[in-house]
Amino acid sequence: MGKLRPDRIWLVGLGLWAMLSCSQPVHAQNLETRLELRFSTAFALSHPPGASWGLGAQLEARYDLNPWRFQLVLNPGVSFSHRPTTDAGLSELYLLYREGALDLSAGLERLPLEVARLSLPYSLEAVSLLGNRLGRWGARVGWNPQETRLRLALLEDTGRLLPVLSLRREFGNFELEAHALYPTRWVLGLGGSGTVAGLVVYGEGWLLLKPLEARYALGLSGSLGEGFWTLEGGYATTLPLLPASHFLAGQWIIPQGEEASWSLTAYLLLSNPWQFQLGSGYRYNLAEHELNASLAAHFSSQSWRLLLTLSIRAFQ
């Protein structure tokens, strides 16, 4: 008999868990379903000469039957450049049991750790060939009493178990969350956010040991008229994902009534060579649909690139 791959082991476990759940009492009045669909297309021009375009979609299905939840997220897509690149984009597939302050889950689940809004100092999540952030196979236990959250995760990492411990605590207008994990070396993280004089102050720092490496991001956010602004800087990767470097970033979101908004985002990467990114986006909300259009430009001393993205999202 052949050895089961890690993903098949977790799928078998999910199936057994679902079968066991059928024997537990549930409340039909708490039954909820949610379905979201998103289709997008992107076209890029660059110098040195080159052009590419792609198609993508997102399918999110959630089934709630208290105290259980089943979640499935797919981000399939195809990119046409020198040759077509396809990706099934399985991002999440897990079963969650929630009882009071206790959460238990198993399967493929995303585990975002960042507090930063415009950068990514450190991440455990894999990135697909098309740039989508993916979940990790594993099991998680969360305990959420008042003003505190304790989370322990055991994740599959190239055939071994990766432990992750997180503790979050609220202190009035502030909250802090500490992380400790051991992928191939010890990694310690601390992030937090709070309100000071009407401004949102946030930041996070990561220390990677043996060899020693530090990454961090600090930011401010506030309102300006009917709009909202964010300023951020530090040493991190930026979006789209690039190698870590010192950076400055800013974003301004301008509402257009209750249904629409404009956004303007800028990044300056203080690397060698320097890089500058400027993007503008427009979002329009309908009753059960959301339309998005964005144009991003990336410049450096050696090249430039333009990216146009259009997407429509439907949900119920």
C-alpha atoms as a PDB file:
ATOM      1  CA  MET A   1       0.000   0.000   0.000  1.00  0.00           C
ATOM      2  CA  GLY A   2       1.441   3.386  -1.036  1.00  0.00           C
ATOM      3  CA  LYS A   3       2.114   6.143   1.429  1.00  0.00           C
ATOM      4  CA  LEU A   4      -0.568   8.839   1.634  1.00  0.00           C
ATOM      5  CA  ARG A   5       0.516  12.352   0.707  1.00  0.00           C
ATOM      6  CA  PRO A   6       0.074  14.986   3.496  1.00  0.00           C
ATOM      7  CA  ASP A   7      -2.843  16.628   1.689  1.00  0.00           C
ATOM      8  CA  ARG A   8      -4.682  13.311   1.367  1.00  0.00           C
ATOM      9  CA  ILE A   9      -4.096  12.532   5.034  1.00  0.00           C
ATOM     10  CA  TRP A  10      -5.745  15.815   6.007  1.00  0.00           C
ATOM     11  CA  LEU A  11      -8.615  15.224   3.573  1.00  0.00           C
ATOM     12  CA  VAL A  12      -9.275  11.808   5.142  1.00  0.00           C
ATOM     13  CA  GLY A  13      -9.208  13.428   8.574  1.00  0.00           C
ATOM     14  CA  LEU A  14     -11.696  16.070   7.484  1.00  0.00           C
ATOM     15  CA  GLY A  15     -14.028  13.409   6.126  1.00  0.00           C
ATOM     16  CA  LEU A  16     -13.938  11.439   9.371  1.00  0.00           C
ATOM     17  CA  TRP A  17     -14.529  14.614  11.386  1.00  0.00           C
ATOM     18  CA  ALA A  18     -17.523  15.510   9.224  1.00  0.00           C
ATOM     19  CA  MET A  19     -18.980  12.020   9.711  1.00  0.00           C
ATOM     20  CA  LEU A  20     -18.578  12.292  13.486  1.00  0.00           C
ATOM     21  CA  SER A  21     -20.270  15.673  13.480  1.00  0.00           C
ATOM     22  CA  CYS A  22     -23.423  14.152  12.023  1.00  0.00           C
ATOM     23  CA  SER A  23     -23.968  12.307  15.289  1.00  0.00           C
ATOM     24  CA  GLN A  24     -23.933  15.542  17.330  1.00  0.00           C
ATOM     25  CA  PRO A  25     -27.049  17.634  17.979  1.00  0.00           C
ATOM     26  CA  VAL A  26     -27.256  20.745  15.819  1.00  0.00           C
ATOM     27  CA  HIS A  27     -29.733  23.574  15.497  1.00  0.00           C
ATOM     28  CA  ALA A  28     -31.332  23.965  12.078  1.00  0.00           C
ATOM     29  CA  GLN A  29     -32.231  27.558  12.771  1.00  0.00           C
ATOM     30  CA  ASN A  30     -28.493  28.424  12.740  1.00  0.00           C
ATOM     31  CA  LEU A  31     -27.917  26.995   9.268  1.00  0.00           C
ATOM     32  CA  GLU A  32     -26.153  29.542   7.031  1.00  0.00           C
ATOM     33  CA  THR A  33     -24.616  29.324   3.577  1.00  0.00           C
ATOM     34  CA  ARG A  34     -22.425  31.833   1.772  1.00  0.00           C
ATOM     35  CA  LEU A  35     -21.138  31.847  -1.778  1.00  0.00           C
ATOM     36  CA  GLU A  36     -18.785  34.375  -3.348  1.00  0.00           C
ATOM     37  CA  LEU A  37     -17.501  34.447  -6.925  1.00  0.00           C
ATOM     38  CA  ARG A  38     -14.879  36.781  -8.357  1.00  0.00           C
ATOM     39  CA  PHE A  39     -13.589  36.964 -11.913  1.00  0.00           C
ATOM     40  CA  SER A  40     -10.685  39.162 -12.941  1.00  0.00           C
ATOM     41  CA  THR A  41      -8.462  39.871 -15.900  1.00  0.00           C
ATOM     42  CA  ALA A  42      -5.077  41.579 -15.938  1.00  0.00           C
ATOM     43  CA  PHE A  43      -2.889  42.991 -18.707  1.00  0.00           C
ATOM     44  CA  ALA A  44       0.726  44.066 -18.266  1.00  0.00           C
ATOM     45  CA  LEU A  45       3.197  46.044 -20.395  1.00  0.00           C
ATOM     46  CA  SER A  46       6.869  46.384 -19.513  1.00  0.00           C
ATOM     47  CA  HIS A  47      10.248  47.686 -20.571  1.00  0.00           C
ATOM     48  CA  PRO A  48      12.427  45.834 -21.528  1.00  0.00           C
ATOM     49  CA  PRO A  49       9.730  44.898 -24.086  1.00  0.00           C
ATOM     50  CA  GLY A  50       7.264  42.284 -22.962  1.00  0.00           C
ATOM     51  CA  ALA A  51       3.543  41.891 -22.520  1.00  0.00           C
ATOM     52  CA  SER A  52       1.402  39.420 -20.628  1.00  0.00           C
ATOM     53  CA  TRP A  53      -2.173  38.970 -19.570  1.00  0.00           C
ATOM     54  CA  GLY A  54      -4.085  36.599 -17.368  1.00  0.00           C
ATOM     55  CA  LEU A  55      -7.472  35.453 -16.121  1.00  0.00           C
ATOM     56  CA  GLY A  56      -8.349  34.594 -12.547  1.00  0.00           C
ATOM     57  CA  ALA A  57     -11.282  33.704 -10.353  1.00  0.00           C
ATOM     58  CA  GLN A  58     -12.097  33.187  -6.709  1.00  0.00           C
ATOM     59  CA  LEU A  59     -14.687  30.787  -5.351  1.00  0.00           C
ATOM     60  CA  GLU A  60     -15.481  30.974  -1.657  1.00  0.00           C
ATOM     61  CA  ALA A  61     -18.035  28.633  -0.137  1.00  0.00           C
ATOM     62  CA  ARG A  62     -18.928  28.543   3.543  1.00  0.00           C
ATOM     63  CA  TYR A  63     -21.410  26.272   5.262  1.00  0.00           C
ATOM     64  CA  ASP A  64     -22.337  26.996   8.894  1.00  0.00           C
ATOM     65  CA  LEU A  65     -24.264  24.529  11.018  1.00  0.00           C
ATOM     66  CA  ASN A  66     -23.719  25.509  14.642  1.00  0.00           C
ATOM     67  CA  PRO A  67     -21.264  24.635  16.163  1.00  0.00           C
ATOM     68  CA  TRP A  68     -19.522  23.547  12.905  1.00  0.00           C
ATOM     69  CA  ARG A  69     -18.222  25.494   9.913  1.00  0.00           C
ATOM     70  CA  PHE A  70     -16.901  24.193   6.586  1.00  0.00           C
ATOM     71  CA  GLN A  71     -14.837  26.601   4.466  1.00  0.00           C
ATOM     72  CA  LEU A  72     -13.560  26.212   0.891  1.00  0.00           C
ATOM     73  CA  VAL A  73     -11.639  28.869  -1.071  1.00  0.00           C
ATOM     74  CA  LEU A  74     -10.290  28.384  -4.603  1.00  0.00           C
ATOM     75  CA  ASN A  75      -8.285  30.918  -6.635  1.00  0.00           C
ATOM     76  CA  PRO A  76      -7.810  29.273 -10.045  1.00  0.00           C
ATOM     77  CA  GLY A  77      -6.121  31.244 -12.789  1.00  0.00           C
ATOM     78  CA  VAL A  78      -3.982  31.263 -15.895  1.00  0.00           C
ATOM     79  CA  SER A  79      -1.218  33.657 -16.948  1.00  0.00           C
ATOM     80  CA  PHE A  80      -0.048  34.086 -20.550  1.00  0.00           C
ATOM     81  CA  SER A  81       3.503  35.331 -20.934  1.00  0.00           C
ATOM     82  CA  HIS A  82       6.239  33.361 -22.679  1.00  0.00           C
ATOM     83  CA  ARG A  83       4.153  30.256 -22.055  1.00  0.00           C
ATOM     84  CA  PRO A  84       0.827  29.665 -20.238  1.00  0.00           C
ATOM     85  CA  THR A  85       1.007  29.130 -16.483  1.00  0.00           C
ATOM     86  CA  THR A  86      -1.999  27.643 -14.699  1.00  0.00           C
ATOM     87  CA  ASP A  87      -2.787  27.190 -11.026  1.00  0.00           C
ATOM     88  CA  ALA A  88      -5.758  25.496  -9.330  1.00  0.00           C
ATOM     89  CA  GLY A  89      -5.355  27.908  -6.408  1.00  0.00           C
ATOM     90  CA  LEU A  90      -6.643  25.813  -3.502  1.00  0.00           C
ATOM     91  CA  SER A  91      -6.281  28.354  -0.670  1.00  0.00           C
ATOM     92  CA  GLU A  92      -8.478  26.974   2.125  1.00  0.00           C
ATOM     93  CA  LEU A  93     -10.240  23.706   2.908  1.00  0.00           C
ATOM     94  CA  TYR A  94     -10.949  23.208   6.583  1.00  0.00           C
ATOM     95  CA  LEU A  95     -13.510  22.269   9.194  1.00  0.00           C
ATOM     96  CA  LEU A  96     -13.972  24.392  12.316  1.00  0.00           C
ATOM     97  CA  TYR A  97     -15.665  23.519  15.606  1.00  0.00           C
ATOM     98  CA  ARG A  98     -16.592  26.473  17.839  1.00  0.00           C
ATOM     99  CA  GLU A  99     -17.979  26.132  21.348  1.00  0.00           C
ATOM    100  CA  GLY A 100     -17.992  29.239  23.515  1.00  0.00           C
ATOM    101  CA  ALA A 101     -14.435  30.582  23.739  1.00  0.00           C
ATOM    102  CA  LEU A 102     -12.886  27.449  22.206  1.00  0.00           C
ATOM    103  CA  ASP A 103     -12.050  26.997  18.495  1.00  0.00           C
ATOM    104  CA  LEU A 104     -10.756  23.746  16.984  1.00  0.00           C
ATOM    105  CA  SER A 105      -9.956  23.446  13.280  1.00  0.00           C
ATOM    106  CA  ALA A 106      -8.120  21.116  10.900  1.00  0.00           C
ATOM    107  CA  GLY A 107      -7.298  21.254   7.222  1.00  0.00           C
ATOM    108  CA  LEU A 108      -5.855  23.835   4.845  1.00  0.00           C
ATOM    109  CA  GLU A 109      -6.285  27.262   6.432  1.00  0.00           C
ATOM    110  CA  ARG A 110      -4.735  30.690   6.006  1.00  0.00           C
ATOM    111  CA  LEU A 111      -2.739  32.009   8.950  1.00  0.00           C
ATOM    112  CA  PRO A 112      -2.055  35.742   8.468  1.00  0.00           C
ATOM    113  CA  LEU A 113       0.162  37.103  11.242  1.00  0.00           C
ATOM    114  CA  GLU A 114       0.752  40.666  10.080  1.00  0.00           C
ATOM    115  CA  VAL A 115      -0.542  43.921  11.551  1.00  0.00           C
ATOM    116  CA  ALA A 116       0.958  46.134   8.837  1.00  0.00           C
ATOM    117  CA  ARG A 117      -1.471  47.348   6.175  1.00  0.00           C
ATOM    118  CA  LEU A 118       0.805  48.199   3.243  1.00  0.00           C
ATOM    119  CA  SER A 119       3.659  45.713   3.662  1.00  0.00           C
ATOM    120  CA  LEU A 120       4.474  42.188   4.770  1.00  0.00           C
ATOM    121  CA  PRO A 121       7.368  41.993   7.254  1.00  0.00           C
ATOM    122  CA  TYR A 122       6.970  38.246   7.819  1.00  0.00           C
ATOM    123  CA  SER A 123       4.589  35.553   6.596  1.00  0.00           C
ATOM    124  CA  LEU A 124       4.111  31.805   7.005  1.00  0.00           C
ATOM    125  CA  GLU A 125       1.794  31.609   4.012  1.00  0.00           C
ATOM    126  CA  ALA A 126       2.994  30.216   0.714  1.00  0.00           C
ATOM    127  CA  VAL A 127       2.521  32.184  -2.517  1.00  0.00           C
ATOM    128  CA  SER A 128       1.173  30.528  -5.667  1.00  0.00           C
ATOM    129  CA  LEU A 129       2.695  30.876  -9.141  1.00  0.00           C
ATOM    130  CA  LEU A 130       0.093  33.563  -9.848  1.00  0.00           C
ATOM    131  CA  GLY A 131       0.803  35.561  -6.677  1.00  0.00           C
ATOM    132  CA  ASN A 132      -2.087  34.376  -4.472  1.00  0.00           C
ATOM    133  CA  ARG A 133      -1.395  33.804  -0.780  1.00  0.00           C
ATOM    134  CA  LEU A 134      -2.272  30.248   0.240  1.00  0.00           C
ATOM    135  CA  GLY A 135      -3.103  28.489   3.472  1.00  0.00           C
ATOM    136  CA  ARG A 136      -1.160  25.725   5.230  1.00  0.00           C
ATOM    137  CA  TRP A 137      -2.236  22.213   6.127  1.00  0.00           C
ATOM    138  CA  GLY A 138      -2.440  21.679   9.852  1.00  0.00           C
ATOM    139  CA  ALA A 139      -4.497  21.719  13.041  1.00  0.00           C
ATOM    140  CA  ARG A 140      -5.254  24.718  15.248  1.00  0.00           C
ATOM    141  CA  VAL A 141      -6.593  25.311  18.735  1.00  0.00           C
ATOM    142  CA  GLY A 142      -7.785  28.756  19.765  1.00  0.00           C
ATOM    143  CA  TRP A 143      -8.992  29.967  23.168  1.00  0.00           C
ATOM    144  CA  ASN A 144     -10.752  33.332  23.200  1.00  0.00           C
ATOM    145  CA  PRO A 145     -11.799  34.513  26.672  1.00  0.00           C
ATOM    146  CA  GLN A 146     -12.569  38.185  27.223  1.00  0.00           C
ATOM    147  CA  GLU A 147      -9.799  40.511  25.981  1.00  0.00           C
ATOM    148  CA  THR A 148      -7.427  37.570  25.313  1.00  0.00           C
ATOM    149  CA  ARG A 149      -6.742  35.104  22.493  1.00  0.00           C
ATOM    150  CA  LEU A 150      -4.374  32.146  22.775  1.00  0.00           C
ATOM    151  CA  ARG A 151      -3.692  30.198  19.577  1.00  0.00           C
ATOM    152  CA  LEU A 152      -1.608  27.062  19.027  1.00  0.00           C
ATOM    153  CA  ALA A 153      -1.069  25.632  15.553  1.00  0.00           C
ATOM    154  CA  LEU A 154       0.791  22.589  14.230  1.00  0.00           C
ATOM    155  CA  LEU A 155       1.418  23.016  10.511  1.00  0.00           C
ATOM    156  CA  GLU A 156       2.777  20.646   7.885  1.00  0.00           C
ATOM    157  CA  ASP A 157       6.074  21.971   6.509  1.00  0.00           C
ATOM    158  CA  THR A 158       7.861  19.758   3.945  1.00  0.00           C
ATOM    159  CA  GLY A 159       7.099  16.575   5.825  1.00  0.00           C
ATOM    160  CA  ARG A 160       7.586  17.879   9.373  1.00  0.00           C
ATOM    161  CA  LEU A 161       5.462  19.668  11.959  1.00  0.00           C
ATOM    162  CA  LEU A 162       5.895  23.407  12.453  1.00  0.00           C
ATOM    163  CA  PRO A 163       4.636  24.709  15.849  1.00  0.00           C
ATOM    164  CA  VAL A 164       3.214  28.234  16.114  1.00  0.00           C
ATOM    165  CA  LEU A 165       2.169  29.896  19.391  1.00  0.00           C
ATOM    166  CA  SER A 166       0.374  33.268  19.463  1.00  0.00           C
ATOM    167  CA  LEU A 167      -0.997  35.302  22.363  1.00  0.00           C
ATOM    168  CA  ARG A 168      -3.108  38.440  21.896  1.00  0.00           C
ATOM    169  CA  ARG A 169      -4.244  40.764  24.688  1.00  0.00           C
ATOM    170  CA  GLU A 170      -6.405  43.913  24.642  1.00  0.00           C
ATOM    171  CA  PHE A 171      -5.581  46.899  26.861  1.00  0.00           C
ATOM    172  CA  GLY A 172      -8.358  49.459  26.491  1.00  0.00           C
ATOM    173  CA  ASN A 173      -7.682  51.245  23.180  1.00  0.00           C
ATOM    174  CA  PHE A 174      -4.620  49.093  22.453  1.00  0.00           C
ATOM    175  CA  GLU A 175      -4.005  45.459  21.616  1.00  0.00           C
ATOM    176  CA  LEU A 176      -0.770  43.479  21.373  1.00  0.00           C
ATOM    177  CA  GLU A 177      -0.057  40.057  19.893  1.00  0.00           C
ATOM    178  CA  ALA A 178       3.133  38.028  20.351  1.00  0.00           C
ATOM    179  CA  HIS A 179       4.231  35.065  18.213  1.00  0.00           C
ATOM    180  CA  ALA A 180       6.807  32.301  18.593  1.00  0.00           C
ATOM    181  CA  LEU A 181       7.484  29.704  15.896  1.00  0.00           C
ATOM    182  CA  TYR A 182      10.213  27.375  14.713  1.00  0.00           C
ATOM    183  CA  PRO A 183      10.223  26.666  10.946  1.00  0.00           C
ATOM    184  CA  THR A 184      13.990  26.061  10.507  1.00  0.00           C
ATOM    185  CA  ARG A 185      15.140  28.554  13.151  1.00  0.00           C
ATOM    186  CA  TRP A 186      13.450  30.434  15.991  1.00  0.00           C
ATOM    187  CA  VAL A 187      11.273  33.357  14.880  1.00  0.00           C
ATOM    188  CA  LEU A 188       9.800  35.813  17.412  1.00  0.00           C
ATOM    189  CA  GLY A 189       7.264  38.496  16.561  1.00  0.00           C
ATOM    190  CA  LEU A 190       5.349  41.289  18.297  1.00  0.00           C
ATOM    191  CA  GLY A 191       2.612  43.423  16.741  1.00  0.00           C
ATOM    192  CA  GLY A 192       0.077  45.891  18.026  1.00  0.00           C
ATOM    193  CA  SER A 193      -2.287  48.715  17.233  1.00  0.00           C
ATOM    194  CA  GLY A 194      -4.205  51.384  19.114  1.00  0.00           C
ATOM    195  CA  THR A 195      -5.766  54.840  19.003  1.00  0.00           C
ATOM    196  CA  VAL A 196      -3.903  57.983  20.062  1.00  0.00           C
ATOM    197  CA  ALA A 197      -5.430  61.460  19.673  1.00  0.00           C
ATOM    198  CA  GLY A 198      -7.791  60.272  16.948  1.00  0.00           C
ATOM    199  CA  LEU A 199      -5.049  58.478  14.980  1.00  0.00           C
ATOM    200  CA  VAL A 200      -4.581  54.736  14.590  1.00  0.00           C
ATOM    201  CA  VAL A 201      -0.994  53.791  15.450  1.00  0.00           C
ATOM    202  CA  TYR A 202       0.219  50.306  14.526  1.00  0.00           C
ATOM    203  CA  GLY A 203       3.388  48.352  14.050  1.00  0.00           C
ATOM    204  CA  GLU A 204       5.075  44.994  14.167  1.00  0.00           C
ATOM    205  CA  GLY A 205       8.595  43.631  14.524  1.00  0.00           C
ATOM    206  CA  TRP A 206      10.129  40.233  13.780  1.00  0.00           C
ATOM    207  CA  LEU A 207      13.401  38.748  14.986  1.00  0.00           C
ATOM    208  CA  LEU A 208      14.811  35.747  13.116  1.00  0.00           C
ATOM    209  CA  LEU A 209      17.584  33.989  15.063  1.00  0.00           C
ATOM    210  CA  LYS A 210      20.708  32.131  13.913  1.00  0.00           C
ATOM    211  CA  PRO A 211      21.516  33.908  11.632  1.00  0.00           C
ATOM    212  CA  LEU A 212      20.159  37.116  13.131  1.00  0.00           C
ATOM    213  CA  GLU A 213      17.735  39.122  10.957  1.00  0.00           C
ATOM    214  CA  ALA A 214      15.189  41.799  11.860  1.00  0.00           C
ATOM    215  CA  ARG A 215      12.156  43.077   9.955  1.00  0.00           C
ATOM    216  CA  TYR A 216       9.622  45.686  11.009  1.00  0.00           C
ATOM    217  CA  ALA A 217       6.887  48.099   9.918  1.00  0.00           C
ATOM    218  CA  LEU A 218       5.400  51.175  11.620  1.00  0.00           C
ATOM    219  CA  GLY A 219       2.334  53.091  10.489  1.00  0.00           C
ATOM    220  CA  LEU A 220      -0.220  55.814  11.120  1.00  0.00           C
ATOM    221  CA  SER A 221      -3.781  56.059   9.834  1.00  0.00           C
ATOM    222  CA  GLY A 222      -6.426  58.749  10.142  1.00  0.00           C
ATOM    223  CA  SER A 223      -9.232  60.633   8.420  1.00  0.00           C
ATOM    224  CA  LEU A 224      -8.988  63.624   6.116  1.00  0.00           C
ATOM    225  CA  GLY A 225     -12.369  65.115   5.276  1.00  0.00           C
ATOM    226  CA  GLU A 226     -14.425  62.156   4.094  1.00  0.00           C
ATOM    227  CA  GLY A 227     -11.324  60.181   3.144  1.00  0.00           C
ATOM    228  CA  PHE A 228      -8.856  57.988   5.026  1.00  0.00           C
ATOM    229  CA  TRP A 229      -5.062  58.062   4.802  1.00  0.00           C
ATOM    230  CA  THR A 230      -2.297  55.680   5.841  1.00  0.00           C
ATOM    231  CA  LEU A 231       1.474  56.230   6.083  1.00  0.00           C
ATOM    232  CA  GLU A 232       3.865  53.346   6.691  1.00  0.00           C
ATOM    233  CA  GLY A 233       7.586  52.626   6.656  1.00  0.00           C
ATOM    234  CA  GLY A 234      10.093  50.002   7.724  1.00  0.00           C
ATOM    235  CA  TYR A 235      12.083  47.046   6.454  1.00  0.00           C
ATOM    236  CA  ALA A 236       9.806  44.462   4.824  1.00  0.00           C
ATOM    237  CA  THR A 237       8.505  43.043   1.594  1.00  0.00           C
ATOM    238  CA  THR A 238       5.858  45.051  -0.235  1.00  0.00           C
ATOM    239  CA  LEU A 239       2.935  44.109  -2.414  1.00  0.00           C
ATOM    240  CA  PRO A 240       3.229  42.649  -4.957  1.00  0.00           C
ATOM    241  CA  LEU A 241       5.706  40.484  -3.065  1.00  0.00           C
ATOM    242  CA  LEU A 242       9.319  41.604  -3.533  1.00  0.00           C
ATOM    243  CA  PRO A 243      12.528  40.935  -1.564  1.00  0.00           C
ATOM    244  CA  ALA A 244      12.689  42.739   1.787  1.00  0.00           C
ATOM    245  CA  SER A 245      14.049  46.298   1.687  1.00  0.00           C
ATOM    246  CA  HIS A 246      13.675  49.625   3.452  1.00  0.00           C
ATOM    247  CA  PHE A 247      10.536  51.363   2.205  1.00  0.00           C
ATOM    248  CA  LEU A 248       8.095  54.240   2.589  1.00  0.00           C
ATOM    249  CA  ALA A 249       4.447  53.839   1.585  1.00  0.00           C
ATOM    250  CA  GLY A 250       1.212  55.796   1.629  1.00  0.00           C
ATOM    251  CA  GLN A 251      -2.445  55.297   0.749  1.00  0.00           C
ATOM    252  CA  TRP A 252      -5.432  57.606   0.431  1.00  0.00           C
ATOM    253  CA  ILE A 253      -8.995  56.260   0.124  1.00  0.00           C
ATOM    254  CA  ILE A 254     -11.652  58.741  -1.030  1.00  0.00           C
ATOM    255  CA  PRO A 255     -15.314  57.639  -0.690  1.00  0.00           C
ATOM    256  CA  GLN A 256     -17.682  58.594  -3.508  1.00  0.00           C
ATOM    257  CA  GLY A 257     -21.015  58.422  -1.732  1.00  0.00           C
ATOM    258  CA  GLU A 258     -21.995  55.124  -0.126  1.00  0.00           C
ATOM    259  CA  GLU A 259     -21.475  52.926  -3.186  1.00  0.00           C
ATOM    260  CA  ALA A 260     -18.041  53.841  -4.581  1.00  0.00           C
ATOM    261  CA  SER A 261     -14.516  54.869  -3.611  1.00  0.00           C
ATOM    262  CA  TRP A 262     -11.182  55.866  -5.155  1.00  0.00           C
ATOM    263  CA  SER A 263      -7.806  54.811  -3.792  1.00  0.00           C
ATOM    264  CA  LEU A 264      -4.279  56.023  -4.447  1.00  0.00           C
ATOM    265  CA  THR A 265      -1.270  54.018  -3.210  1.00  0.00           C
ATOM    266  CA  ALA A 266       2.459  54.772  -3.506  1.00  0.00           C
ATOM    267  CA  TYR A 267       5.601  52.828  -2.539  1.00  0.00           C
ATOM    268  CA  LEU A 268       9.218  53.958  -2.511  1.00  0.00           C
ATOM    269  CA  LEU A 269      11.687  51.095  -2.063  1.00  0.00           C
ATOM    270  CA  LEU A 270      15.054  52.320  -0.868  1.00  0.00           C
ATOM    271  CA  SER A 271      16.947  49.383  -2.353  1.00  0.00           C
ATOM    272  CA  ASN A 272      19.710  49.247  -4.938  1.00  0.00           C
ATOM    273  CA  PRO A 273      18.466  49.936  -7.528  1.00  0.00           C
ATOM    274  CA  TRP A 274      15.676  52.080  -6.095  1.00  0.00           C
ATOM    275  CA  GLN A 275      12.098  51.260  -7.078  1.00  0.00           C
ATOM    276  CA  PHE A 276       8.869  53.267  -7.111  1.00  0.00           C
ATOM    277  CA  GLN A 277       5.309  51.947  -7.351  1.00  0.00           C
ATOM    278  CA  LEU A 278       2.185  54.032  -7.924  1.00  0.00           C
ATOM    279  CA  GLY A 279      -1.323  52.624  -8.143  1.00  0.00           C
ATOM    280  CA  SER A 280      -4.874  53.904  -8.452  1.00  0.00           C
ATOM    281  CA  GLY A 281      -8.073  51.935  -7.963  1.00  0.00           C
ATOM    282  CA  TYR A 282     -11.827  52.413  -8.248  1.00  0.00           C
ATOM    283  CA  ARG A 283     -14.466  50.286  -6.515  1.00  0.00           C
ATOM    284  CA  TYR A 284     -18.221  50.354  -7.059  1.00  0.00           C
ATOM    285  CA  ASN A 285     -20.655  48.370  -4.900  1.00  0.00           C
ATOM    286  CA  LEU A 286     -24.052  47.166  -6.099  1.00  0.00           C
ATOM    287  CA  ALA A 287     -26.621  45.165  -4.151  1.00  0.00           C
ATOM    288  CA  GLU A 288     -24.936  41.788  -4.684  1.00  0.00           C
ATOM    289  CA  HIS A 289     -21.951  42.741  -6.857  1.00  0.00           C
ATOM    290  CA  GLU A 290     -18.700  44.648  -6.545  1.00  0.00           C
ATOM    291  CA  LEU A 291     -16.770  46.110  -9.487  1.00  0.00           C
ATOM    292  CA  ASN A 292     -13.050  46.918  -9.238  1.00  0.00           C
ATOM    293  CA  ALA A 293     -10.602  48.541 -11.640  1.00  0.00           C
ATOM    294  CA  SER A 294      -6.965  49.366 -10.911  1.00  0.00           C
ATOM    295  CA  LEU A 295      -3.917  50.668 -12.738  1.00  0.00           C
ATOM    296  CA  ALA A 296      -0.449  50.221 -11.229  1.00  0.00           C
ATOM    297  CA  ALA A 297       2.922  51.472 -12.480  1.00  0.00           C
ATOM    298  CA  HIS A 298       6.290  50.152 -11.317  1.00  0.00           C
ATOM    299  CA  PHE A 299       9.480  52.109 -12.066  1.00  0.00           C
ATOM    300  CA  SER A 300      13.150  51.562 -11.322  1.00  0.00           C
ATOM    301  CA  SER A 301      16.399  52.896 -12.728  1.00  0.00           C
ATOM    302  CA  GLN A 302      16.489  49.892 -15.082  1.00  0.00           C
ATOM    303  CA  SER A 303      12.898  49.108 -16.081  1.00  0.00           C
ATOM    304  CA  TRP A 304       9.214  50.020 -15.929  1.00  0.00           C
ATOM    305  CA  ARG A 305       5.966  48.035 -15.884  1.00  0.00           C
ATOM    306  CA  LEU A 306       2.252  48.865 -16.167  1.00  0.00           C
ATOM    307  CA  LEU A 307      -0.505  46.571 -14.892  1.00  0.00           C
ATOM    308  CA  LEU A 308      -4.247  46.998 -15.557  1.00  0.00           C
ATOM    309  CA  THR A 309      -6.680  44.814 -13.592  1.00  0.00           C
ATOM    310  CA  LEU A 310     -10.474  44.543 -13.888  1.00  0.00           C
ATOM    311  CA  SER A 311     -12.618  42.341 -11.650  1.00  0.00           C
ATOM    312  CA  ILE A 312     -16.220  41.664 -10.722  1.00  0.00           C
ATOM    313  CA  ARG A 313     -17.331  40.003  -7.503  1.00  0.00           C
ATOM    314  CA  ALA A 314     -20.722  38.441  -6.817  1.00  0.00           C
ATOM    315  CA  PHE A 315     -21.867  37.237  -3.399  1.00  0.00           C
ATOM    316  CA  GLN A 316     -24.968  36.182  -1.536  1.00  0.00           C
END
